[in-house]
């Protein structure tokens, strides 16, 4: 399994983080996605 970390901009709330997490998780081949609002990154 390959891990990827993405730097994110423009998140203003935890709801934004959840929306991004759901979008990334829906991509074919992604088994898990964690979006951290406080640190503005996504890790899959």
N, C-alpha and C. Protein backbone atom coordinates (compact mmCIF):
# COMPACT_ATOMS: atom_id res chain seq x y z
N UNK A 1 0.84 -1.17 0.00
CA UNK A 1 0.00 0.00 0.00
C UNK A 1 0.89 1.24 0.00
N UNK A 2 0.54 2.18 -0.84
CA UNK A 2 1.28 3.44 -0.93
C UNK A 2 0.56 4.51 -0.12
N UNK A 3 1.32 5.30 0.61
CA UNK A 3 0.76 6.43 1.37
C UNK A 3 1.08 7.73 0.66
N UNK A 4 0.14 8.63 0.66
CA UNK A 4 0.31 9.94 0.05
C UNK A 4 -0.18 10.99 1.03
N UNK A 5 0.58 12.08 1.18
CA UNK A 5 0.16 13.20 2.02
C UNK A 5 -0.02 14.42 1.13
N UNK A 6 -1.15 15.08 1.24
CA UNK A 6 -1.47 16.25 0.44
C UNK A 6 -1.61 17.47 1.34
N UNK A 7 -0.97 18.57 0.98
CA UNK A 7 -1.13 19.84 1.69
C UNK A 7 -2.38 20.52 1.14
N UNK A 8 -3.28 20.92 2.01
CA UNK A 8 -4.56 21.51 1.60
C UNK A 8 -4.63 22.98 1.99
N UNK A 9 -5.36 23.76 1.19
CA UNK A 9 -5.60 25.17 1.50
C UNK A 9 -7.09 25.44 1.45
N UNK A 10 -7.52 26.41 2.18
CA UNK A 10 -8.89 26.88 2.08
C UNK A 10 -9.89 26.20 3.00
N UNK A 11 -9.43 25.28 3.83
CA UNK A 11 -10.36 24.66 4.78
C UNK A 11 -10.63 25.66 5.89
N UNK A 12 -11.92 25.94 6.13
CA UNK A 12 -12.24 26.90 7.18
C UNK A 12 -12.97 26.28 8.36
N UNK A 13 -13.30 24.99 8.25
CA UNK A 13 -14.02 24.35 9.35
C UNK A 13 -13.91 22.83 9.23
N UNK A 14 -14.35 22.15 10.27
CA UNK A 14 -14.31 20.69 10.27
C UNK A 14 -15.24 20.11 9.21
N UNK A 15 -16.30 20.82 8.87
CA UNK A 15 -17.20 20.36 7.81
C UNK A 15 -16.50 20.32 6.46
N UNK A 16 -15.63 21.30 6.21
CA UNK A 16 -14.83 21.29 4.98
C UNK A 16 -13.94 20.06 4.95
N UNK A 17 -13.30 19.77 6.06
CA UNK A 17 -12.42 18.60 6.16
C UNK A 17 -13.21 17.33 5.87
N UNK A 18 -14.40 17.22 6.40
CA UNK A 18 -15.24 16.03 6.19
C UNK A 18 -15.62 15.90 4.72
N UNK A 19 -15.95 16.99 4.07
CA UNK A 19 -16.31 16.96 2.65
C UNK A 19 -15.13 16.50 1.80
N UNK A 20 -13.94 16.99 2.11
CA UNK A 20 -12.73 16.58 1.39
C UNK A 20 -12.45 15.11 1.63
N UNK A 21 -12.58 14.68 2.87
CA UNK A 21 -12.37 13.28 3.23
C UNK A 21 -13.32 12.37 2.44
N UNK A 22 -14.58 12.74 2.35
CA UNK A 22 -15.56 11.94 1.61
C UNK A 22 -15.22 11.90 0.12
N UNK A 23 -14.79 13.03 -0.44
CA UNK A 23 -14.46 13.08 -1.87
C UNK A 23 -13.25 12.20 -2.18
N UNK A 24 -12.20 12.30 -1.37
CA UNK A 24 -11.01 11.49 -1.61
C UNK A 24 -11.32 10.01 -1.40
N UNK A 25 -12.10 9.70 -0.38
CA UNK A 25 -12.46 8.31 -0.09
C UNK A 25 -13.27 7.67 -1.22
N UNK A 26 -13.97 8.49 -2.00
CA UNK A 26 -14.79 7.95 -3.09
C UNK A 26 -13.98 7.60 -4.34
N UNK A 27 -12.71 7.99 -4.37
CA UNK A 27 -11.85 7.70 -5.52
C UNK A 27 -11.52 6.21 -5.54
N UNK A 28 -11.66 5.60 -6.71
CA UNK A 28 -11.38 4.18 -6.88
C UNK A 28 -9.93 3.88 -6.47
N UNK A 29 -9.74 2.90 -5.62
CA UNK A 29 -8.41 2.50 -5.17
C UNK A 29 -8.01 3.08 -3.82
N UNK A 30 -8.76 4.05 -3.32
CA UNK A 30 -8.46 4.63 -2.01
C UNK A 30 -9.20 3.81 -0.95
N UNK A 31 -8.43 3.22 -0.03
CA UNK A 31 -9.06 2.39 1.00
C UNK A 31 -9.31 3.16 2.29
N UNK A 32 -8.55 4.23 2.52
CA UNK A 32 -8.71 5.02 3.74
C UNK A 32 -8.21 6.43 3.47
N UNK A 33 -8.86 7.40 4.06
CA UNK A 33 -8.44 8.79 3.94
C UNK A 33 -8.68 9.49 5.27
N UNK A 34 -7.68 10.22 5.72
CA UNK A 34 -7.79 10.99 6.95
C UNK A 34 -7.46 12.44 6.62
N UNK A 35 -8.38 13.34 6.88
CA UNK A 35 -8.15 14.77 6.67
C UNK A 35 -8.08 15.43 8.04
N UNK A 36 -7.00 16.17 8.28
CA UNK A 36 -6.80 16.84 9.56
C UNK A 36 -7.02 18.33 9.37
N UNK A 37 -8.12 18.85 9.90
CA UNK A 37 -8.45 20.28 9.76
C UNK A 37 -7.40 21.16 10.43
N UNK A 38 -6.95 20.81 11.60
CA UNK A 38 -6.00 21.63 12.34
C UNK A 38 -4.66 21.79 11.65
N UNK A 39 -4.22 20.75 10.96
CA UNK A 39 -2.91 20.79 10.29
C UNK A 39 -3.02 21.01 8.80
N UNK A 40 -4.24 21.05 8.26
CA UNK A 40 -4.50 21.29 6.83
C UNK A 40 -3.78 20.30 5.92
N UNK A 41 -3.95 19.02 6.22
CA UNK A 41 -3.39 18.02 5.32
C UNK A 41 -4.35 16.84 5.20
N UNK A 42 -4.16 16.10 4.12
CA UNK A 42 -4.91 14.85 3.91
C UNK A 42 -3.91 13.74 3.72
N UNK A 43 -4.18 12.61 4.31
CA UNK A 43 -3.30 11.46 4.18
C UNK A 43 -4.14 10.28 3.76
N UNK A 44 -3.67 9.57 2.75
CA UNK A 44 -4.40 8.39 2.30
C UNK A 44 -3.49 7.20 2.30
